[in-house]
N, C-alpha and C. Protein backbone atom coordinates (compact mmCIF):
# COMPACT_ATOMS: atom_id res chain seq x y z
N UNK A 1 10.67 37.68 -58.30
CA UNK A 1 10.35 37.11 -57.21
C UNK A 1 9.31 38.08 -56.14
N UNK A 2 8.24 37.44 -55.85
CA UNK A 2 7.21 38.27 -55.20
C UNK A 2 7.64 38.67 -53.94
N UNK A 3 6.91 39.72 -53.38
CA UNK A 3 7.39 40.19 -52.10
C UNK A 3 6.97 39.28 -50.91
N UNK A 4 6.07 38.23 -51.05
CA UNK A 4 5.91 37.46 -50.38
C UNK A 4 6.61 36.10 -50.28
N UNK A 5 7.35 35.82 -51.51
CA UNK A 5 8.49 34.96 -51.80
C UNK A 5 9.68 35.57 -50.72
N UNK A 6 10.01 36.49 -50.99
CA UNK A 6 11.04 37.38 -50.62
C UNK A 6 11.15 37.20 -49.05
N UNK A 7 9.92 37.50 -48.21
CA UNK A 7 9.53 37.58 -46.86
C UNK A 7 9.68 36.04 -46.52
N UNK A 8 9.06 34.96 -46.93
CA UNK A 8 9.17 33.88 -46.64
C UNK A 8 10.59 33.03 -46.72
N UNK A 9 11.30 33.59 -47.74
CA UNK A 9 12.71 33.09 -48.04
C UNK A 9 13.59 33.09 -46.61
N UNK A 10 13.26 34.96 -46.38
CA UNK A 10 13.74 35.42 -44.92
C UNK A 10 13.56 34.73 -43.88
N UNK A 11 12.45 34.59 -43.58
CA UNK A 11 11.61 33.44 -42.81
C UNK A 11 12.48 32.32 -42.28
N UNK A 12 12.73 31.63 -43.76
CA UNK A 12 13.24 30.12 -43.67
C UNK A 12 14.63 30.21 -43.18
N UNK A 13 15.37 31.12 -43.61
CA UNK A 13 16.71 31.77 -43.55
C UNK A 13 16.75 32.08 -42.06
N UNK A 14 16.25 32.65 -41.42
CA UNK A 14 15.94 33.05 -40.04
C UNK A 14 16.04 31.77 -38.81
N UNK A 15 15.19 30.77 -39.01
CA UNK A 15 15.04 29.38 -38.63
C UNK A 15 16.08 28.91 -38.73
N UNK A 16 16.79 28.76 -40.05
CA UNK A 16 17.92 27.71 -40.23
C UNK A 16 18.90 28.23 -39.34
N UNK A 17 19.10 29.46 -39.78
CA UNK A 17 20.69 30.12 -38.77
C UNK A 17 20.19 30.20 -37.39
N UNK A 18 19.17 30.35 -36.86
CA UNK A 18 18.95 30.29 -35.60
C UNK A 18 19.42 28.95 -34.89
N UNK A 19 18.83 27.96 -35.58
CA UNK A 19 19.10 26.44 -35.22
C UNK A 19 20.22 25.79 -35.66
N UNK A 20 21.24 26.41 -36.39
CA UNK A 20 22.47 26.00 -36.87
C UNK A 20 23.29 26.97 -36.04
N UNK A 21 22.76 27.88 -35.34
CA UNK A 21 23.77 28.82 -34.31
C UNK A 21 24.67 29.70 -35.47
N UNK A 22 24.24 30.15 -36.38
CA UNK A 22 25.08 30.59 -37.71
C UNK A 22 24.62 32.20 -37.82
N UNK A 23 25.33 33.20 -38.22
CA UNK A 23 24.88 34.69 -38.48
C UNK A 23 24.30 34.38 -40.06
N UNK A 24 23.35 35.25 -40.26
CA UNK A 24 22.62 35.12 -41.82
C UNK A 24 23.78 35.49 -42.88
N UNK A 25 24.53 36.14 -42.61
CA UNK A 25 25.47 36.53 -43.36
C UNK A 25 26.78 35.38 -44.07
N UNK A 26 26.49 34.27 -42.76
CA UNK A 26 27.67 33.12 -43.06
C UNK A 26 26.65 32.11 -44.05
N UNK A 27 25.39 32.08 -44.25
CA UNK A 27 24.94 31.15 -44.97
C UNK A 27 24.72 31.48 -46.24
N UNK A 28 25.24 30.85 -47.13
CA UNK A 28 24.59 30.92 -48.86
C UNK A 28 23.32 29.91 -49.00
N UNK A 29 22.64 30.04 -49.96
CA UNK A 29 21.56 29.76 -50.49
C UNK A 29 22.22 27.94 -51.05
N UNK A 30 23.31 28.06 -51.35
CA UNK A 30 24.08 26.65 -51.92
C UNK A 30 24.80 25.93 -50.89
N UNK A 31 25.12 26.76 -49.62
CA UNK A 31 25.88 25.95 -48.63
C UNK A 31 25.25 24.79 -48.09
N UNK A 32 26.08 23.90 -48.09
CA UNK A 32 25.62 22.48 -47.33
C UNK A 32 25.67 22.56 -45.93
N UNK A 33 24.45 22.34 -45.21
CA UNK A 33 24.39 22.24 -43.76
C UNK A 33 25.23 21.32 -43.23
N UNK A 34 25.25 20.14 -43.68
CA UNK A 34 26.07 19.15 -43.01
C UNK A 34 27.44 19.45 -43.33
N UNK A 35 27.81 19.45 -44.49
CA UNK A 35 29.24 19.48 -45.14
C UNK A 35 30.02 20.99 -44.56
N UNK A 36 29.34 22.05 -45.14
CA UNK A 36 29.95 23.38 -44.70
C UNK A 36 29.61 23.77 -43.27
N UNK A 37 28.52 23.48 -42.68
CA UNK A 37 28.23 24.19 -41.47
C UNK A 37 28.07 22.99 -40.19
N UNK A 38 28.62 21.98 -40.33
CA UNK A 38 28.49 21.03 -39.23
C UNK A 38 27.08 20.28 -38.70
N UNK A 39 26.11 20.73 -39.25
CA UNK A 39 24.81 20.38 -39.02
C UNK A 39 24.67 18.81 -38.76
N UNK A 40 24.25 18.35 -37.80
CA UNK A 40 24.01 16.78 -37.53
C UNK A 40 22.56 16.57 -37.91
N UNK A 41 22.07 15.27 -38.05
CA UNK A 41 20.72 14.83 -38.13
C UNK A 41 19.62 15.45 -37.13
N UNK A 42 20.07 15.62 -36.00
CA UNK A 42 19.09 16.31 -35.00
C UNK A 42 18.94 17.74 -35.37
N UNK A 43 19.79 18.42 -35.65
CA UNK A 43 19.42 19.82 -36.35
C UNK A 43 18.93 19.95 -37.74
N UNK A 44 18.79 19.07 -38.37
CA UNK A 44 17.98 18.72 -39.68
C UNK A 44 16.42 18.64 -39.01
N UNK A 45 16.18 17.73 -37.84
CA UNK A 45 14.99 17.46 -37.74
C UNK A 45 14.57 18.79 -36.86
N UNK A 46 15.40 19.42 -36.24
CA UNK A 46 14.73 20.86 -35.48
C UNK A 46 14.59 21.96 -36.66
N UNK A 47 14.94 21.77 -37.63
CA UNK A 47 14.64 22.79 -39.06
C UNK A 47 13.38 22.35 -39.30
N UNK A 48 13.11 21.25 -39.64
CA UNK A 48 11.85 20.77 -40.32
C UNK A 48 10.73 21.11 -39.27
N UNK A 49 11.10 20.90 -37.91
CA UNK A 49 9.84 21.12 -37.03
C UNK A 49 9.73 22.59 -37.18
N UNK A 50 10.49 23.38 -37.08
CA UNK A 50 10.59 24.71 -36.74
C UNK A 50 9.92 25.49 -38.13
N UNK A 51 9.99 24.85 -39.13
CA UNK A 51 9.26 25.43 -40.48
C UNK A 51 7.97 24.93 -40.61
N UNK A 52 7.67 23.76 -39.97
CA UNK A 52 6.23 23.20 -39.99
C UNK A 52 5.48 24.11 -38.81
N UNK A 53 6.40 24.78 -37.58
CA UNK A 53 5.36 25.44 -36.78
C UNK A 53 5.09 26.86 -37.71
N UNK A 54 6.16 27.52 -38.07
CA UNK A 54 6.04 28.79 -38.52
C UNK A 54 5.39 28.78 -39.61
N UNK A 55 5.11 27.78 -40.75
CA UNK A 55 4.37 28.05 -41.73
C UNK A 55 3.12 27.35 -41.67
N UNK A 56 2.88 26.64 -40.86
CA UNK A 56 1.70 25.83 -40.38
C UNK A 56 1.77 24.64 -41.56
N UNK A 57 2.70 24.04 -41.52
CA UNK A 57 2.42 23.07 -42.84
C UNK A 57 2.89 21.76 -42.38
N UNK A 58 3.00 20.50 -43.02
CA UNK A 58 3.60 19.51 -42.69
C UNK A 58 4.82 18.60 -43.55
N UNK A 59 5.72 18.57 -43.28
CA UNK A 59 6.77 18.10 -44.15
C UNK A 59 7.03 16.76 -43.75
N UNK A 60 6.91 15.84 -44.83
CA UNK A 60 7.55 14.54 -44.72
C UNK A 60 8.98 14.31 -44.30
N UNK A 61 9.07 13.35 -43.13
CA UNK A 61 10.91 13.47 -43.03
C UNK A 61 11.43 13.08 -44.11
N UNK A 62 11.06 12.14 -45.23
CA UNK A 62 11.76 11.73 -46.09
C UNK A 62 12.09 12.88 -47.20
N UNK A 63 11.57 14.10 -47.09
CA UNK A 63 12.00 15.32 -47.69
C UNK A 63 13.56 15.81 -46.85
N UNK A 64 13.91 15.31 -46.00
CA UNK A 64 15.22 15.94 -45.39
C UNK A 64 16.33 15.67 -46.30
N UNK A 65 16.10 14.60 -47.12
CA UNK A 65 17.30 14.30 -47.98
C UNK A 65 17.35 15.40 -49.18
N UNK A 66 16.50 16.26 -49.38
CA UNK A 66 16.49 17.24 -50.24
C UNK A 66 16.77 18.61 -49.49
N UNK A 67 16.53 18.56 -48.24
CA UNK A 67 17.01 19.76 -47.52
C UNK A 67 18.44 20.02 -47.00
N UNK A 68 19.06 19.89 -47.81
CA UNK A 68 20.80 19.93 -47.92
C UNK A 68 21.06 21.22 -47.60
N UNK A 69 20.58 22.15 -48.41
CA UNK A 69 20.91 23.59 -48.14
C UNK A 69 19.54 24.63 -48.32
N UNK A 70 19.74 25.65 -48.19
CA UNK A 70 18.75 26.82 -48.16
C UNK A 70 17.80 26.48 -49.67
N UNK A 71 18.38 26.40 -50.64
CA UNK A 71 17.83 26.24 -52.04
C UNK A 71 16.89 25.13 -51.72
N UNK A 72 17.26 23.86 -51.28
CA UNK A 72 16.45 22.70 -51.16
C UNK A 72 15.35 23.00 -50.12
N UNK A 73 15.59 23.59 -49.08
CA UNK A 73 14.63 24.00 -48.23
C UNK A 73 13.48 24.98 -48.80
N UNK A 74 13.90 25.98 -49.21
CA UNK A 74 12.82 26.89 -50.03
C UNK A 74 12.02 25.95 -50.97
N UNK A 75 12.50 25.25 -51.71
CA UNK A 75 11.79 24.27 -52.77
C UNK A 75 10.89 23.43 -51.71
N UNK A 76 11.08 22.75 -50.67
CA UNK A 76 10.48 21.99 -49.95
C UNK A 76 9.24 22.86 -49.08
N UNK A 77 9.56 23.80 -48.72
CA UNK A 77 8.60 24.73 -48.12
C UNK A 77 7.44 25.11 -48.99
N UNK A 78 8.17 25.42 -50.35
CA UNK A 78 7.04 26.03 -51.28
C UNK A 78 6.11 24.94 -51.48
N UNK A 79 6.79 23.75 -51.79
CA UNK A 79 6.08 22.63 -52.16
C UNK A 79 4.66 22.21 -51.22
N UNK A 80 5.00 22.12 -50.05
CA UNK A 80 4.30 21.82 -49.02
C UNK A 80 3.15 23.11 -48.66
N UNK A 81 3.35 24.25 -49.15
CA UNK A 81 2.44 25.52 -48.77
C UNK A 81 1.67 25.10 -50.17
N UNK A 82 2.05 24.85 -51.38
CA UNK A 82 1.23 24.80 -52.50
C UNK A 82 0.23 23.62 -52.29
N UNK A 83 0.56 22.68 -51.52
CA UNK A 83 -0.49 21.46 -51.31
C UNK A 83 -1.20 21.50 -50.24
N UNK A 84 -1.11 22.68 -49.21
CA UNK A 84 -2.33 22.86 -48.64
C UNK A 84 -3.78 23.10 -49.12
């Protein structure tokens, strides 16, 4: 994993944890936002908006169904960056 990827993932995790009001060590890459962390659809939209702003990308709302955990978010953000 490149340094930029590590930095990008750290930024994504920070955004997600801020919105879910969780400590970073409480959230795993596979942990499900809704089932394990009690996130609702509004929080999911906030995460999407935060990522768009931070990384200057556009994420289609249809991608929310893939953004159920950090692994899914990492993939969606990377695809959006690659598509720029």
